[in-house]
Amino acid sequence: METTLSPQEIRENLAQFHGTENFYKHPLCNVIWTDGAQYVIDSCNAHWLVSDVSIQCDALKDKSEFIKVQLSCDNEKGTLEYTNGNGKLLHVHEYRYTDFPLDVIAFYYTNGTLLLPSEY
């Protein structure tokens, strides 16, 4: 699904997510995600992101019960950082190329669920 929304419109729409009505599951690991995370996947054409984040969070869950995941993008490159609730770096993944439309997006992972900070 190719997005027709601008980054500003996507950001504005993200503000509507508080809690969730639906949960989605990754077929390769035990991670579920919320409506807000699904909106990011669909509006940003980011199926690759939820796949990477789901697999890595599943691998890191024994290191921390709470993980903050932040993707930062600049000049078509991206950095995906995983930190615990106290800001301790758990893992970093670099992307040489990404067409992700936002300069930064954050998720929380807790209790096997990936969600937007506004949904926490």
N, C-alpha and C. Protein backbone atom coordinates (compact mmCIF):
# COMPACT_ATOMS: atom_id res chain seq x y z
N MET A 1 0.84 -1.18 0.00
CA MET A 1 0.00 0.00 0.00
C MET A 1 0.89 1.24 0.00
N GLU A 2 0.82 2.01 -1.01
CA GLU A 2 1.60 3.24 -1.12
C GLU A 2 0.84 4.38 -0.43
N THR A 3 1.54 5.11 0.43
CA THR A 3 0.89 6.19 1.17
C THR A 3 0.73 7.42 0.28
N THR A 4 -0.37 8.09 0.46
CA THR A 4 -0.59 9.36 -0.22
C THR A 4 -0.61 10.49 0.80
N LEU A 5 -0.34 10.16 2.05
CA LEU A 5 -0.33 11.16 3.11
C LEU A 5 1.06 11.76 3.26
N SER A 6 1.09 13.03 3.61
CA SER A 6 2.37 13.68 3.88
C SER A 6 2.84 13.27 5.28
N PRO A 7 4.13 13.42 5.57
CA PRO A 7 4.60 13.14 6.92
C PRO A 7 3.84 13.93 7.99
N GLN A 8 3.50 15.17 7.70
CA GLN A 8 2.75 15.99 8.65
C GLN A 8 1.36 15.38 8.91
N GLU A 9 0.69 14.92 7.86
CA GLU A 9 -0.63 14.31 8.03
C GLU A 9 -0.53 13.01 8.83
N ILE A 10 0.49 12.23 8.58
CA ILE A 10 0.70 10.99 9.34
C ILE A 10 0.89 11.32 10.82
N ARG A 11 1.76 12.30 11.11
CA ARG A 11 2.00 12.71 12.51
C ARG A 11 0.70 13.16 13.18
N GLU A 12 -0.07 13.97 12.48
CA GLU A 12 -1.33 14.45 13.04
C GLU A 12 -2.28 13.29 13.33
N ASN A 13 -2.34 12.33 12.44
CA ASN A 13 -3.21 11.17 12.63
C ASN A 13 -2.74 10.28 13.78
N LEU A 14 -1.45 10.24 14.05
CA LEU A 14 -0.93 9.42 15.15
C LEU A 14 -1.48 9.86 16.50
N ALA A 15 -1.85 11.12 16.62
CA ALA A 15 -2.36 11.66 17.88
C ALA A 15 -3.70 11.04 18.28
N GLN A 16 -4.39 10.39 17.37
CA GLN A 16 -5.70 9.81 17.67
C GLN A 16 -5.62 8.47 18.41
N PHE A 17 -4.43 7.88 18.50
CA PHE A 17 -4.32 6.54 19.06
C PHE A 17 -4.06 6.57 20.56
N HIS A 18 -5.05 6.08 21.31
CA HIS A 18 -4.98 5.93 22.77
C HIS A 18 -5.64 4.61 23.08
N GLY A 19 -4.87 3.62 23.51
CA GLY A 19 -5.44 2.29 23.67
C GLY A 19 -5.62 1.65 22.30
N THR A 20 -6.23 0.48 22.26
CA THR A 20 -6.43 -0.21 20.99
C THR A 20 -7.70 -1.04 21.05
N GLU A 21 -8.28 -1.26 19.91
CA GLU A 21 -9.44 -2.14 19.81
C GLU A 21 -9.06 -3.48 19.21
N ASN A 22 -7.95 -3.52 18.47
CA ASN A 22 -7.53 -4.74 17.78
C ASN A 22 -6.07 -5.03 18.08
N PHE A 23 -5.72 -6.28 17.96
CA PHE A 23 -4.32 -6.71 18.06
C PHE A 23 -3.98 -7.49 16.81
N TYR A 24 -2.73 -7.35 16.37
CA TYR A 24 -2.23 -7.99 15.16
C TYR A 24 -1.05 -8.85 15.57
N LYS A 25 -0.80 -9.93 14.85
CA LYS A 25 0.27 -10.85 15.23
C LYS A 25 1.27 -11.02 14.11
N HIS A 26 2.52 -11.09 14.51
CA HIS A 26 3.60 -11.38 13.56
C HIS A 26 3.67 -12.89 13.38
N PRO A 27 3.71 -13.39 12.15
CA PRO A 27 3.69 -14.84 11.95
C PRO A 27 4.98 -15.57 12.36
N LEU A 28 6.09 -14.83 12.53
CA LEU A 28 7.36 -15.49 12.83
C LEU A 28 7.78 -15.44 14.29
N CYS A 29 7.06 -14.72 15.13
CA CYS A 29 7.45 -14.65 16.54
C CYS A 29 6.23 -14.33 17.40
N ASN A 30 6.44 -14.30 18.70
CA ASN A 30 5.34 -14.14 19.65
C ASN A 30 5.10 -12.67 20.00
N VAL A 31 5.01 -11.83 19.02
CA VAL A 31 4.78 -10.40 19.24
C VAL A 31 3.44 -10.01 18.64
N ILE A 32 2.68 -9.23 19.40
CA ILE A 32 1.45 -8.65 18.86
C ILE A 32 1.62 -7.14 18.85
N TRP A 33 0.81 -6.45 18.05
CA TRP A 33 0.89 -4.99 18.03
C TRP A 33 -0.51 -4.41 17.94
N THR A 34 -0.59 -3.12 18.18
CA THR A 34 -1.85 -2.39 18.34
C THR A 34 -2.29 -1.70 17.06
N ASP A 35 -3.47 -1.07 17.16
CA ASP A 35 -3.99 -0.29 16.03
C ASP A 35 -3.04 0.82 15.62
N GLY A 36 -2.43 1.49 16.58
CA GLY A 36 -1.50 2.58 16.26
C GLY A 36 -0.29 2.08 15.50
N ALA A 37 0.28 0.98 15.95
CA ALA A 37 1.42 0.39 15.24
C ALA A 37 1.00 -0.06 13.84
N GLN A 38 -0.19 -0.62 13.73
CA GLN A 38 -0.69 -1.03 12.41
C GLN A 38 -0.88 0.18 11.50
N TYR A 39 -1.31 1.31 12.07
CA TYR A 39 -1.45 2.53 11.27
C TYR A 39 -0.09 2.96 10.71
N VAL A 40 0.95 2.89 11.51
CA VAL A 40 2.29 3.24 11.04
C VAL A 40 2.70 2.29 9.92
N ILE A 41 2.46 1.02 10.10
CA ILE A 41 2.80 0.03 9.08
C ILE A 41 2.12 0.37 7.76
N ASP A 42 0.82 0.62 7.82
CA ASP A 42 0.06 0.87 6.60
C ASP A 42 0.36 2.23 5.98
N SER A 43 0.34 3.29 6.78
CA SER A 43 0.49 4.64 6.23
C SER A 43 1.92 4.93 5.78
N CYS A 44 2.89 4.24 6.36
CA CYS A 44 4.30 4.47 6.02
C CYS A 44 4.87 3.36 5.15
N ASN A 45 4.01 2.43 4.72
CA ASN A 45 4.46 1.28 3.94
C ASN A 45 5.66 0.62 4.62
N ALA A 46 5.47 0.27 5.89
CA ALA A 46 6.59 -0.16 6.74
C ALA A 46 6.42 -1.57 7.28
N HIS A 47 6.03 -2.49 6.44
CA HIS A 47 5.93 -3.88 6.88
C HIS A 47 7.30 -4.41 7.30
N TRP A 48 8.33 -3.95 6.66
CA TRP A 48 9.70 -4.33 7.02
C TRP A 48 10.03 -3.90 8.45
N LEU A 49 9.52 -2.74 8.87
CA LEU A 49 9.83 -2.21 10.20
C LEU A 49 9.21 -3.08 11.29
N VAL A 50 7.95 -3.41 11.16
CA VAL A 50 7.32 -4.23 12.20
C VAL A 50 7.92 -5.62 12.22
N SER A 51 8.33 -6.12 11.09
CA SER A 51 8.99 -7.42 11.04
C SER A 51 10.31 -7.37 11.79
N ASP A 52 11.16 -6.39 11.48
CA ASP A 52 12.46 -6.26 12.14
C ASP A 52 12.29 -6.02 13.64
N VAL A 53 11.40 -5.10 14.01
CA VAL A 53 11.19 -4.76 15.41
C VAL A 53 10.62 -5.95 16.18
N SER A 54 9.68 -6.64 15.60
CA SER A 54 9.07 -7.79 16.27
C SER A 54 10.09 -8.87 16.57
N ILE A 55 10.89 -9.20 15.59
CA ILE A 55 11.89 -10.25 15.77
C ILE A 55 12.93 -9.83 16.79
N GLN A 56 13.41 -8.58 16.73
CA GLN A 56 14.44 -8.13 17.67
C GLN A 56 13.88 -8.01 19.09
N CYS A 57 12.67 -7.48 19.25
CA CYS A 57 12.09 -7.37 20.59
C CYS A 57 11.86 -8.75 21.20
N ASP A 58 11.45 -9.70 20.39
CA ASP A 58 11.27 -11.06 20.87
C ASP A 58 12.61 -11.61 21.38
N ALA A 59 13.69 -11.28 20.69
CA ALA A 59 15.02 -11.73 21.10
C ALA A 59 15.52 -11.01 22.35
N LEU A 60 15.11 -9.75 22.55
CA LEU A 60 15.59 -8.94 23.68
C LEU A 60 14.72 -9.02 24.93
N LYS A 61 13.57 -9.67 24.84
CA LYS A 61 12.61 -9.64 25.94
C LYS A 61 13.16 -10.17 27.26
N ASP A 62 14.17 -11.03 27.22
CA ASP A 62 14.76 -11.54 28.46
C ASP A 62 15.71 -10.53 29.10
N LYS A 63 16.13 -9.51 28.35
CA LYS A 63 17.03 -8.48 28.87
C LYS A 63 16.27 -7.35 29.55
N SER A 64 15.01 -7.14 29.16
CA SER A 64 14.22 -6.06 29.74
C SER A 64 12.74 -6.35 29.54
N GLU A 65 11.94 -6.08 30.56
CA GLU A 65 10.49 -6.24 30.44
C GLU A 65 9.87 -5.11 29.63
N PHE A 66 10.58 -3.99 29.54
CA PHE A 66 10.10 -2.81 28.82
C PHE A 66 11.19 -2.38 27.86
N ILE A 67 10.85 -2.21 26.60
CA ILE A 67 11.82 -1.79 25.59
C ILE A 67 11.25 -0.61 24.82
N LYS A 68 12.04 0.45 24.71
CA LYS A 68 11.68 1.56 23.84
C LYS A 68 12.43 1.35 22.53
N VAL A 69 11.70 1.44 21.43
CA VAL A 69 12.27 1.28 20.10
C VAL A 69 12.10 2.60 19.38
N GLN A 70 13.20 3.13 18.85
CA GLN A 70 13.12 4.40 18.14
C GLN A 70 13.84 4.31 16.82
N LEU A 71 13.12 4.65 15.75
CA LEU A 71 13.70 4.74 14.42
C LEU A 71 13.93 6.20 14.10
N SER A 72 15.16 6.54 13.79
CA SER A 72 15.52 7.89 13.37
C SER A 72 16.04 7.81 11.93
N CYS A 73 15.52 8.68 11.07
CA CYS A 73 15.89 8.66 9.65
C CYS A 73 16.43 10.01 9.23
N ASP A 74 17.48 9.97 8.41
CA ASP A 74 18.09 11.18 7.89
C ASP A 74 18.79 10.84 6.58
N ASN A 75 18.49 11.59 5.54
CA ASN A 75 19.13 11.40 4.23
C ASN A 75 19.02 9.95 3.75
N GLU A 76 17.85 9.37 3.86
CA GLU A 76 17.55 8.02 3.39
C GLU A 76 18.29 6.92 4.14
N LYS A 77 18.89 7.25 5.29
CA LYS A 77 19.52 6.26 6.16
C LYS A 77 18.72 6.23 7.46
N GLY A 78 18.79 5.10 8.14
CA GLY A 78 18.03 4.97 9.37
C GLY A 78 18.81 4.28 10.47
N THR A 79 18.46 4.62 11.71
CA THR A 79 19.03 3.99 12.88
C THR A 79 17.88 3.54 13.78
N LEU A 80 17.87 2.28 14.10
CA LEU A 80 16.86 1.70 14.97
C LEU A 80 17.52 1.35 16.29
N GLU A 81 17.11 2.05 17.37
CA GLU A 81 17.71 1.84 18.69
C GLU A 81 16.70 1.20 19.63
N TYR A 82 17.19 0.25 20.39
CA TYR A 82 16.39 -0.44 21.41
C TYR A 82 17.01 -0.10 22.76
N THR A 83 16.23 0.48 23.66
CA THR A 83 16.72 0.80 25.00
C THR A 83 15.75 0.24 26.03
N ASN A 84 16.25 0.08 27.27
CA ASN A 84 15.35 -0.36 28.33
C ASN A 84 14.64 0.85 28.92
N GLY A 85 13.84 0.65 29.94
CA GLY A 85 13.08 1.74 30.54
C GLY A 85 13.92 2.83 31.17
N ASN A 86 15.20 2.55 31.41
CA ASN A 86 16.10 3.53 32.00
C ASN A 86 17.06 4.13 30.98
N GLY A 87 16.83 3.89 29.71
CA GLY A 87 17.66 4.47 28.67
C GLY A 87 18.92 3.70 28.34
N LYS A 88 19.10 2.52 28.93
CA LYS A 88 20.30 1.71 28.64
C LYS A 88 20.14 1.09 27.25
N LEU A 89 21.15 1.29 26.40
CA LEU A 89 21.13 0.77 25.04
C LEU A 89 21.22 -0.75 25.05
N LEU A 90 20.28 -1.41 24.38
CA LEU A 90 20.26 -2.86 24.29
C LEU A 90 20.72 -3.36 22.93
N HIS A 91 20.41 -2.59 21.89
CA HIS A 91 20.75 -3.02 20.53
C HIS A 91 20.58 -1.84 19.57
N VAL A 92 21.41 -1.81 18.53
CA VAL A 92 21.29 -0.80 17.48
C VAL A 92 21.35 -1.52 16.13
N HIS A 93 20.50 -1.10 15.22
CA HIS A 93 20.53 -1.62 13.86
C HIS A 93 20.57 -0.42 12.91
N GLU A 94 21.51 -0.45 11.98
CA GLU A 94 21.65 0.62 10.99
C GLU A 94 21.07 0.17 9.65
N TYR A 95 20.39 1.08 8.99
CA TYR A 95 19.88 0.85 7.64
C TYR A 95 20.62 1.78 6.69
N ARG A 96 21.20 1.24 5.66
CA ARG A 96 21.90 2.06 4.66
C ARG A 96 20.93 2.84 3.79
N TYR A 97 19.71 2.28 3.67
CA TYR A 97 18.69 2.97 2.87
C TYR A 97 17.33 2.69 3.48
N THR A 98 16.53 3.74 3.58
CA THR A 98 15.12 3.59 3.94
C THR A 98 14.32 4.72 3.29
N ASP A 99 13.12 4.39 2.89
CA ASP A 99 12.21 5.41 2.36
C ASP A 99 11.13 5.74 3.39
N PHE A 100 11.39 5.43 4.66
CA PHE A 100 10.43 5.72 5.71
C PHE A 100 10.16 7.22 5.73
N PRO A 101 8.88 7.64 5.71
CA PRO A 101 8.57 9.06 5.51
C PRO A 101 8.74 9.97 6.73
N LEU A 102 8.86 9.41 7.93
CA LEU A 102 8.99 10.24 9.13
C LEU A 102 10.44 10.30 9.56
N ASP A 103 10.84 11.42 10.16
CA ASP A 103 12.22 11.55 10.61
C ASP A 103 12.47 10.76 11.90
N VAL A 104 11.42 10.54 12.70
CA VAL A 104 11.56 9.76 13.92
C VAL A 104 10.20 9.16 14.29
N ILE A 105 10.24 7.95 14.81
CA ILE A 105 9.04 7.29 15.34
C ILE A 105 9.50 6.41 16.50
N ALA A 106 8.69 6.35 17.53
CA ALA A 106 9.02 5.52 18.69
C ALA A 106 7.87 4.55 18.97
N PHE A 107 8.25 3.40 19.50
CA PHE A 107 7.32 2.39 19.95
C PHE A 107 7.77 1.93 21.33
N TYR A 108 6.84 1.36 22.07
CA TYR A 108 7.17 0.66 23.30
C TYR A 108 6.85 -0.81 23.08
N TYR A 109 7.65 -1.66 23.72
CA TYR A 109 7.39 -3.10 23.71
C TYR A 109 7.34 -3.56 25.16
N THR A 110 6.21 -4.11 25.55
CA THR A 110 6.05 -4.64 26.90
C THR A 110 5.00 -5.74 26.89
N ASN A 111 5.20 -6.74 27.71
CA ASN A 111 4.26 -7.87 27.80
C ASN A 111 3.93 -8.47 26.44
N GLY A 112 4.93 -8.56 25.57
CA GLY A 112 4.75 -9.17 24.26
C GLY A 112 4.00 -8.33 23.25
N THR A 113 3.78 -7.02 23.60
CA THR A 113 2.99 -6.13 22.75
C THR A 113 3.79 -4.92 22.30
N LEU A 114 3.73 -4.62 21.02
CA LEU A 114 4.35 -3.44 20.46
C LEU A 114 3.27 -2.37 20.30
N LEU A 115 3.51 -1.16 20.83
CA LEU A 115 2.50 -0.12 20.79
C LEU A 115 3.15 1.24 20.68
N LEU A 116 2.36 2.22 20.29
CA LEU A 116 2.82 3.62 20.29
C LEU A 116 2.87 4.13 21.71
N PRO A 117 3.75 5.09 22.00
CA PRO A 117 3.77 5.67 23.35
C PRO A 117 2.41 6.23 23.80
N SER A 118 1.63 6.77 22.89
CA SER A 118 0.32 7.30 23.25
C SER A 118 -0.68 6.20 23.61
N GLU A 119 -0.38 4.96 23.25
CA GLU A 119 -1.27 3.85 23.56
C GLU A 119 -0.89 3.17 24.89
N TYR A 120 0.22 3.59 25.48
CA TYR A 120 0.72 2.95 26.72
C TYR A 120 -0.12 3.34 27.91
